[in-house]
Amino acid sequence: MGIVATDAAAVPAFPEGATVVRRDTLKGKVWSATPYRVIRDTGAELAVALWPGVEMLSPSTWIEWLRTGDDAVRKQAIPNLAAGRWALGPWVWQNTTVLARFEPGQHFSVSQFFDPQGHPRAWYIDFIRPCQRTADGFDTLDLLVDLVVAADLSAHRWKDEDEYAQGRRLGLIDDALHRRVEAARQHVMSLVESRQGPFAEDWSSWRRDPSWPLPALPSRLNGQALILGDH
């Protein structure tokens, strides 16, 4: 996930341990909101952490699918997004610690997932709109398709190609954006195969500061309500 500030000088680097909020937004409405703790912010990379117990806001269809496993519910989320009609609900992150890296201007983010004992489970690459940095975090939009890579980078699989195709049909991803996603996919695969970029650094030894409380969503962001528009 790239971070692009409209006025970079107006948004200083986030200090280690600060809470930042990622909002996925479409046409002024919030699709999801997730708080993280900052690991580092160099300007060239923002690295953040999320672990079990963190509460976020997610689409109700996604929450219902996770609770029931009903694939029909999952498939309804994309038409809801395209139509601008959805409800948000609270969801508590479970089971894994996530370290996520976001770079300026990129159409992807790279995360490492770890089990409760701190052992690496997998790499996870989200394809997204480049993020816009805000005073409280950043705004972006997940572009539906994902790449899952083995912890040792020995294998990979593409995930949610059906959702991406559905998003294309419904106009969420136009031809120009599709070309940028395709270029990002090729770039990520070259990084995986060469073990460069984010894949050159293994954070298996990372442990969060025990004094850090769970990151939490504030009631307001950037001087306005967290959730914009009708929801």
C-alpha atoms as a PDB file:
ATOM      1  CA  MET A   1       0.000   0.000   0.000  1.00  0.00           C
ATOM      2  CA  GLY A   2       1.638   3.222  -1.060  1.00  0.00           C
ATOM      3  CA  ILE A   3       1.245   6.385   0.953  1.00  0.00           C
ATOM      4  CA  VAL A   4       0.926   9.580  -1.023  1.00  0.00           C
ATOM      5  CA  ALA A   5       0.478  12.817   0.894  1.00  0.00           C
ATOM      6  CA  THR A   6      -1.293  15.690  -0.826  1.00  0.00           C
ATOM      7  CA  ASP A   7       1.064  17.945   1.111  1.00  0.00           C
ATOM      8  CA  ALA A   8       3.816  15.782   2.569  1.00  0.00           C
ATOM      9  CA  ALA A   9       5.175  18.620   4.663  1.00  0.00           C
ATOM     10  CA  ALA A  10       1.797  18.951   6.394  1.00  0.00           C
ATOM     11  CA  VAL A  11       1.894  15.345   7.667  1.00  0.00           C
ATOM     12  CA  PRO A  12       5.050  14.595   9.684  1.00  0.00           C
ATOM     13  CA  ALA A  13       6.351  11.070  10.100  1.00  0.00           C
ATOM     14  CA  PHE A  14       4.455   8.980  12.620  1.00  0.00           C
ATOM     15  CA  PRO A  15       6.557   8.124  15.704  1.00  0.00           C
ATOM     16  CA  GLU A  16       7.209   4.532  16.725  1.00  0.00           C
ATOM     17  CA  GLY A  17       4.353   3.217  18.846  1.00  0.00           C
ATOM     18  CA  ALA A  18       1.807   5.747  17.576  1.00  0.00           C
ATOM     19  CA  THR A  19      -1.651   4.610  16.509  1.00  0.00           C
ATOM     20  CA  VAL A  20      -2.501   5.068  12.835  1.00  0.00           C
ATOM     21  CA  VAL A  21      -5.814   4.219  11.203  1.00  0.00           C
ATOM     22  CA  ARG A  22      -6.223   2.706   7.762  1.00  0.00           C
ATOM     23  CA  ARG A  23      -9.569   3.535   6.195  1.00  0.00           C
ATOM     24  CA  ASP A  24     -10.738   1.898   2.984  1.00  0.00           C
ATOM     25  CA  THR A  25     -13.007   4.432   1.329  1.00  0.00           C
ATOM     26  CA  LEU A  26     -15.074   4.709  -1.824  1.00  0.00           C
ATOM     27  CA  LYS A  27     -16.803   7.915  -2.924  1.00  0.00           C
ATOM     28  CA  GLY A  28     -16.549   9.476   0.510  1.00  0.00           C
ATOM     29  CA  LYS A  29     -17.840   6.458   2.435  1.00  0.00           C
ATOM     30  CA  VAL A  30     -15.811   4.206   4.701  1.00  0.00           C
ATOM     31  CA  TRP A  31     -15.698   0.516   3.736  1.00  0.00           C
ATOM     32  CA  SER A  32     -13.480  -0.479   6.658  1.00  0.00           C
ATOM     33  CA  ALA A  33     -11.321   1.083   9.365  1.00  0.00           C
ATOM     34  CA  THR A  34      -8.424  -0.617  11.147  1.00  0.00           C
ATOM     35  CA  PRO A  35      -6.053   0.759  13.816  1.00  0.00           C
ATOM     36  CA  TYR A  36      -2.372  -0.226  13.879  1.00  0.00           C
ATOM     37  CA  ARG A  37       0.728   0.560  15.934  1.00  0.00           C
ATOM     38  CA  VAL A  38       3.613   2.136  14.043  1.00  0.00           C
ATOM     39  CA  ILE A  39       6.853   0.148  13.917  1.00  0.00           C
ATOM     40  CA  ARG A  40       8.691   2.668  11.779  1.00  0.00           C
ATOM     41  CA  ASP A  41       7.979   5.488   9.365  1.00  0.00           C
ATOM     42  CA  THR A  42      10.880   6.482   7.141  1.00  0.00           C
ATOM     43  CA  GLY A  43       8.853   8.313   4.517  1.00  0.00           C
ATOM     44  CA  ALA A  44       9.914   5.645   2.016  1.00  0.00           C
ATOM     45  CA  GLU A  45       8.115   2.993   4.069  1.00  0.00           C
ATOM     46  CA  LEU A  46       5.493   2.910   6.783  1.00  0.00           C
ATOM     47  CA  ALA A  47       5.575  -0.334   8.779  1.00  0.00           C
ATOM     48  CA  VAL A  48       2.787  -1.118  11.234  1.00  0.00           C
ATOM     49  CA  ALA A  49       1.597  -3.934  13.490  1.00  0.00           C
ATOM     50  CA  LEU A  50      -1.751  -5.508  14.313  1.00  0.00           C
ATOM     51  CA  TRP A  51      -2.353  -8.372  16.761  1.00  0.00           C
ATOM     52  CA  PRO A  52      -5.214 -10.371  18.313  1.00  0.00           C
ATOM     53  CA  GLY A  53      -7.739  -8.337  20.251  1.00  0.00           C
ATOM     54  CA  VAL A  54      -7.639  -5.231  18.044  1.00  0.00           C
ATOM     55  CA  GLU A  55     -11.166  -4.046  17.214  1.00  0.00           C
ATOM     56  CA  MET A  56     -11.911  -2.699  13.740  1.00  0.00           C
ATOM     57  CA  LEU A  57     -14.907  -1.743  11.631  1.00  0.00           C
ATOM     58  CA  SER A  58     -15.692  -4.057   8.713  1.00  0.00           C
ATOM     59  CA  PRO A  59     -18.575  -4.606   6.264  1.00  0.00           C
ATOM     60  CA  SER A  60     -21.349  -6.668   7.835  1.00  0.00           C
ATOM     61  CA  THR A  61     -21.275  -9.103   4.897  1.00  0.00           C
ATOM     62  CA  TRP A  62     -17.603  -9.865   5.544  1.00  0.00           C
ATOM     63  CA  ILE A  63     -18.269 -10.378   9.257  1.00  0.00           C
ATOM     64  CA  GLU A  64     -21.210 -12.700   8.541  1.00  0.00           C
ATOM     65  CA  TRP A  65     -19.139 -14.715   6.064  1.00  0.00           C
ATOM     66  CA  LEU A  66     -16.339 -15.177   8.617  1.00  0.00           C
ATOM     67  CA  ARG A  67     -18.848 -16.319  11.216  1.00  0.00           C
ATOM     68  CA  THR A  68     -20.905 -18.640   8.978  1.00  0.00           C
ATOM     69  CA  GLY A  69     -18.656 -19.601   6.065  1.00  0.00           C
ATOM     70  CA  ASP A  70     -21.550 -18.868   3.676  1.00  0.00           C
ATOM     71  CA  ASP A  71     -19.896 -18.052   0.351  1.00  0.00           C
ATOM     72  CA  ALA A  72     -23.079 -16.460  -1.001  1.00  0.00           C
ATOM     73  CA  VAL A  73     -22.728 -13.794   1.683  1.00  0.00           C
ATOM     74  CA  ARG A  74     -19.120 -13.144   0.671  1.00  0.00           C
ATOM     75  CA  LYS A  75     -20.129 -12.719  -2.971  1.00  0.00           C
ATOM     76  CA  GLN A  76     -22.767 -10.122  -2.050  1.00  0.00           C
ATOM     77  CA  ALA A  77     -20.117  -7.781  -0.640  1.00  0.00           C
ATOM     78  CA  ILE A  78     -18.865  -6.661  -4.062  1.00  0.00           C
ATOM     79  CA  PRO A  79     -22.301  -5.673  -5.466  1.00  0.00           C
ATOM     80  CA  ASN A  80     -22.904  -3.806  -2.217  1.00  0.00           C
ATOM     81  CA  LEU A  81     -19.615  -1.951  -2.636  1.00  0.00           C
ATOM     82  CA  ALA A  82     -20.366  -1.089  -6.275  1.00  0.00           C
ATOM     83  CA  ALA A  83     -23.846   0.161  -5.356  1.00  0.00           C
ATOM     84  CA  GLY A  84     -22.571   2.210  -2.416  1.00  0.00           C
ATOM     85  CA  ARG A  85     -24.823   0.347   0.012  1.00  0.00           C
ATOM     86  CA  TRP A  86     -23.317  -1.410   3.005  1.00  0.00           C
ATOM     87  CA  ALA A  87     -23.372  -1.533   6.776  1.00  0.00           C
ATOM     88  CA  LEU A  88     -20.367  -1.579   9.079  1.00  0.00           C
ATOM     89  CA  GLY A  89     -19.968  -3.570  12.245  1.00  0.00           C
ATOM     90  CA  PRO A  90     -17.259  -4.254  14.851  1.00  0.00           C
ATOM     91  CA  TRP A  91     -14.888  -7.143  14.327  1.00  0.00           C
ATOM     92  CA  VAL A  92     -12.064  -8.238  16.634  1.00  0.00           C
ATOM     93  CA  TRP A  93      -8.865  -9.454  14.982  1.00  0.00           C
ATOM     94  CA  GLN A  94      -8.023 -13.015  15.983  1.00  0.00           C
ATOM     95  CA  ASN A  95      -5.266 -15.638  15.912  1.00  0.00           C
ATOM     96  CA  THR A  96      -2.394 -13.877  14.120  1.00  0.00           C
ATOM     97  CA  THR A  97      -0.004 -10.957  14.452  1.00  0.00           C
ATOM     98  CA  VAL A  98       0.405  -8.959  11.250  1.00  0.00           C
ATOM     99  CA  LEU A  99       3.336  -6.761  10.277  1.00  0.00           C
ATOM    100  CA  ALA A 100       2.420  -4.672   7.245  1.00  0.00           C
ATOM    101  CA  ARG A 101       4.585  -2.490   5.020  1.00  0.00           C
ATOM    102  CA  PHE A 102       3.334   0.354   2.837  1.00  0.00           C
ATOM    103  CA  GLU A 103       5.422   2.283   0.282  1.00  0.00           C
ATOM    104  CA  PRO A 104       4.653   5.564  -1.489  1.00  0.00           C
ATOM    105  CA  GLY A 105       2.715   5.332  -4.730  1.00  0.00           C
ATOM    106  CA  GLN A 106       2.489   1.553  -4.850  1.00  0.00           C
ATOM    107  CA  HIS A 107      -0.640  -0.394  -5.789  1.00  0.00           C
ATOM    108  CA  PHE A 108       0.175  -3.089  -3.231  1.00  0.00           C
ATOM    109  CA  SER A 109       1.102  -3.655   0.403  1.00  0.00           C
ATOM    110  CA  VAL A 110       3.148  -6.507   1.859  1.00  0.00           C
ATOM    111  CA  SER A 111       2.333  -8.174   5.180  1.00  0.00           C
ATOM    112  CA  GLN A 112       3.807 -11.021   7.196  1.00  0.00           C
ATOM    113  CA  PHE A 113       1.484 -13.150   9.322  1.00  0.00           C
ATOM    114  CA  PHE A 114       2.721 -14.842  12.506  1.00  0.00           C
ATOM    115  CA  ASP A 115       1.101 -17.436  14.764  1.00  0.00           C
ATOM    116  CA  PRO A 116       0.663 -16.852  18.533  1.00  0.00           C
ATOM    117  CA  GLN A 117       4.140 -18.280  19.174  1.00  0.00           C
ATOM    118  CA  GLY A 118       5.715 -15.822  16.757  1.00  0.00           C
ATOM    119  CA  HIS A 119       6.396 -18.335  13.990  1.00  0.00           C
ATOM    120  CA  PRO A 120       5.890 -17.012  10.436  1.00  0.00           C
ATOM    121  CA  ARG A 121       2.790 -18.349   8.706  1.00  0.00           C
ATOM    122  CA  ALA A 122       2.792 -16.611   5.342  1.00  0.00           C
ATOM    123  CA  TRP A 123       3.316 -13.440   3.372  1.00  0.00           C
ATOM    124  CA  TYR A 124       0.177 -11.694   2.192  1.00  0.00           C
ATOM    125  CA  ILE A 125       0.097  -9.096  -0.561  1.00  0.00           C
ATOM    126  CA  ASP A 126      -2.939  -6.839  -0.949  1.00  0.00           C
ATOM    127  CA  PHE A 127      -3.466  -4.930  -4.181  1.00  0.00           C
ATOM    128  CA  ILE A 128      -4.895  -1.508  -3.460  1.00  0.00           C
ATOM    129  CA  ARG A 129      -5.239   2.080  -4.537  1.00  0.00           C
ATOM    130  CA  PRO A 130      -2.159   4.074  -3.507  1.00  0.00           C
ATOM    131  CA  CYS A 131      -2.886   5.508  -0.094  1.00  0.00           C
ATOM    132  CA  GLN A 132      -3.425   9.108   0.807  1.00  0.00           C
ATOM    133  CA  ARG A 133      -1.728   9.981   4.056  1.00  0.00           C
ATOM    134  CA  THR A 134      -3.843  11.823   6.631  1.00  0.00           C
ATOM    135  CA  ALA A 135      -3.074  13.373   9.985  1.00  0.00           C
ATOM    136  CA  ASP A 136      -4.341  10.182  11.657  1.00  0.00           C
ATOM    137  CA  GLY A 137      -3.177   7.491   9.239  1.00  0.00           C
ATOM    138  CA  PHE A 138      -4.061   6.877   5.619  1.00  0.00           C
ATOM    139  CA  ASP A 139      -6.960   6.200   3.259  1.00  0.00           C
ATOM    140  CA  THR A 140      -6.928   3.581   0.503  1.00  0.00           C
ATOM    141  CA  LEU A 141      -9.189   0.960  -1.094  1.00  0.00           C
ATOM    142  CA  ASP A 142      -8.599  -2.768  -1.334  1.00  0.00           C
ATOM    143  CA  LEU A 143      -8.770  -3.861  -4.982  1.00  0.00           C
ATOM    144  CA  LEU A 144     -10.008  -7.357  -4.156  1.00  0.00           C
ATOM    145  CA  VAL A 145      -7.286  -9.633  -5.559  1.00  0.00           C
ATOM    146  CA  ASP A 146      -4.521 -10.893  -3.229  1.00  0.00           C
ATOM    147  CA  LEU A 147      -1.370 -12.984  -3.351  1.00  0.00           C
ATOM    148  CA  VAL A 148      -0.463 -15.476  -0.606  1.00  0.00           C
ATOM    149  CA  VAL A 149       3.193 -16.541  -0.460  1.00  0.00           C
ATOM    150  CA  ALA A 150       4.705 -19.296   1.681  1.00  0.00           C
ATOM    151  CA  ALA A 151       6.726 -18.128   4.677  1.00  0.00           C
ATOM    152  CA  ASP A 152       9.946 -19.349   3.019  1.00  0.00           C
ATOM    153  CA  LEU A 153       8.940 -17.812  -0.364  1.00  0.00           C
ATOM    154  CA  SER A 154       8.952 -21.268  -1.964  1.00  0.00           C
ATOM    155  CA  ALA A 155       5.363 -21.215  -3.279  1.00  0.00           C
ATOM    156  CA  HIS A 156       2.497 -18.847  -3.919  1.00  0.00           C
ATOM    157  CA  ARG A 157      -1.188 -18.764  -4.841  1.00  0.00           C
ATOM    158  CA  TRP A 158      -3.512 -16.061  -6.084  1.00  0.00           C
ATOM    159  CA  LYS A 159      -6.595 -15.408  -3.961  1.00  0.00           C
ATOM    160  CA  ASP A 160     -10.019 -13.893  -4.714  1.00  0.00           C
ATOM    161  CA  GLU A 161      -9.605 -13.754  -8.487  1.00  0.00           C
ATOM    162  CA  ASP A 162     -13.390 -14.245  -8.659  1.00  0.00           C
ATOM    163  CA  GLU A 163     -13.993 -11.107  -6.586  1.00  0.00           C
ATOM    164  CA  TYR A 164     -11.605  -9.145  -8.778  1.00  0.00           C
ATOM    165  CA  ALA A 165     -13.408 -10.292 -11.941  1.00  0.00           C
ATOM    166  CA  GLN A 166     -16.727  -9.362 -10.340  1.00  0.00           C
ATOM    167  CA  GLY A 167     -15.353  -5.935  -9.445  1.00  0.00           C
ATOM    168  CA  ARG A 168     -14.262  -5.474 -13.056  1.00  0.00           C
ATOM    169  CA  ARG A 169     -17.725  -6.358 -14.346  1.00  0.00           C
ATOM    170  CA  LEU A 170     -19.393  -3.966 -11.907  1.00  0.00           C
ATOM    171  CA  GLY A 171     -17.138  -1.044 -12.814  1.00  0.00           C
ATOM    172  CA  LEU A 172     -15.173  -0.826  -9.578  1.00  0.00           C
ATOM    173  CA  ILE A 173     -11.934  -1.417 -11.484  1.00  0.00           C
ATOM    174  CA  ASP A 174     -11.790   0.298 -14.871  1.00  0.00           C
ATOM    175  CA  ASP A 175      -9.337  -0.528 -17.646  1.00  0.00           C
ATOM    176  CA  ALA A 176      -6.758   2.025 -16.562  1.00  0.00           C
ATOM    177  CA  LEU A 177      -6.769   0.790 -12.967  1.00  0.00           C
ATOM    178  CA  HIS A 178      -6.686  -2.810 -14.188  1.00  0.00           C
ATOM    179  CA  ARG A 179      -3.497  -2.079 -16.127  1.00  0.00           C
ATOM    180  CA  ARG A 180      -1.900  -0.631 -13.006  1.00  0.00           C
ATOM    181  CA  VAL A 181      -2.902  -3.671 -10.973  1.00  0.00           C
ATOM    182  CA  GLU A 182      -1.484  -6.000 -13.634  1.00  0.00           C
ATOM    183  CA  ALA A 183       1.804  -4.090 -13.568  1.00  0.00           C
ATOM    184  CA  ALA A 184       1.851  -4.281  -9.764  1.00  0.00           C
ATOM    185  CA  ARG A 185       1.233  -8.028  -9.883  1.00  0.00           C
ATOM    186  CA  GLN A 186       4.183  -8.541 -12.200  1.00  0.00           C
ATOM    187  CA  HIS A 187       6.381  -6.306 -10.045  1.00  0.00           C
ATOM    188  CA  VAL A 188       5.472  -8.167  -6.859  1.00  0.00           C
ATOM    189  CA  MET A 189       6.184 -11.540  -8.453  1.00  0.00           C
ATOM    190  CA  SER A 190       9.625 -10.318  -9.539  1.00  0.00           C
ATOM    191  CA  LEU A 191      10.321  -9.209  -5.949  1.00  0.00           C
ATOM    192  CA  VAL A 192       9.188 -12.565  -4.559  1.00  0.00           C
ATOM    193  CA  GLU A 193      11.283 -14.546  -7.020  1.00  0.00           C
ATOM    194  CA  SER A 194      14.378 -12.419  -6.419  1.00  0.00           C
ATOM    195  CA  ARG A 195      13.716 -12.083  -2.654  1.00  0.00           C
ATOM    196  CA  GLN A 196      14.151  -8.351  -2.853  1.00  0.00           C
ATOM    197  CA  GLY A 197      12.308  -5.347  -1.464  1.00  0.00           C
ATOM    198  CA  PRO A 198      10.075  -6.228   1.498  1.00  0.00           C
ATOM    199  CA  PHE A 199      10.861  -9.925   0.982  1.00  0.00           C
ATOM    200  CA  ALA A 200      14.536  -9.392   1.777  1.00  0.00           C
ATOM    201  CA  GLU A 201      13.742  -8.654   5.419  1.00  0.00           C
ATOM    202  CA  ASP A 202      12.453 -11.358   7.772  1.00  0.00           C
ATOM    203  CA  TRP A 203      10.814  -9.928  10.879  1.00  0.00           C
ATOM    204  CA  SER A 204      10.416 -13.239  12.713  1.00  0.00           C
ATOM    205  CA  SER A 205      12.368 -11.892  15.674  1.00  0.00           C
ATOM    206  CA  TRP A 206      10.187  -8.803  16.046  1.00  0.00           C
ATOM    207  CA  ARG A 207       8.213  -8.518  19.279  1.00  0.00           C
ATOM    208  CA  ARG A 208       5.986  -5.620  20.209  1.00  0.00           C
ATOM    209  CA  ASP A 209       6.823  -3.387  23.114  1.00  0.00           C
ATOM    210  CA  PRO A 210       4.987  -4.903  26.123  1.00  0.00           C
ATOM    211  CA  SER A 211       3.982  -1.422  27.233  1.00  0.00           C
ATOM    212  CA  TRP A 212       1.938  -0.866  24.066  1.00  0.00           C
ATOM    213  CA  PRO A 213      -1.816  -1.105  24.635  1.00  0.00           C
ATOM    214  CA  LEU A 214      -4.053  -2.353  21.866  1.00  0.00           C
ATOM    215  CA  PRO A 215      -4.419   0.284  19.142  1.00  0.00           C
ATOM    216  CA  ALA A 216      -7.985   1.565  19.117  1.00  0.00           C
ATOM    217  CA  LEU A 217     -10.163   3.490  16.708  1.00  0.00           C
ATOM    218  CA  PRO A 218     -10.849   7.080  17.774  1.00  0.00           C
ATOM    219  CA  SER A 219     -14.347   8.506  17.575  1.00  0.00           C
ATOM    220  CA  ARG A 220     -13.143  11.191  15.171  1.00  0.00           C
ATOM    221  CA  LEU A 221     -10.407  11.402  12.548  1.00  0.00           C
ATOM    222  CA  ASN A 222      -9.025  14.523  10.916  1.00  0.00           C
ATOM    223  CA  GLY A 223     -11.565  16.593  12.836  1.00  0.00           C
ATOM    224  CA  GLN A 224     -14.564  14.704  11.495  1.00  0.00           C
ATOM    225  CA  ALA A 225     -16.596  11.587  12.274  1.00  0.00           C
ATOM    226  CA  LEU A 226     -14.716   8.350  11.604  1.00  0.00           C
ATOM    227  CA  ILE A 227     -17.440   7.050   9.283  1.00  0.00           C
ATOM    228  CA  LEU A 228     -18.262   9.388   6.410  1.00  0.00           C
ATOM    229  CA  GLY A 229     -21.627   9.508   4.714  1.00  0.00           C
ATOM    230  CA  ASP A 230     -24.496   7.077   5.112  1.00  0.00           C
ATOM    231  CA  HIS A 231     -23.579   3.574   6.135  1.00  0.00           C
END
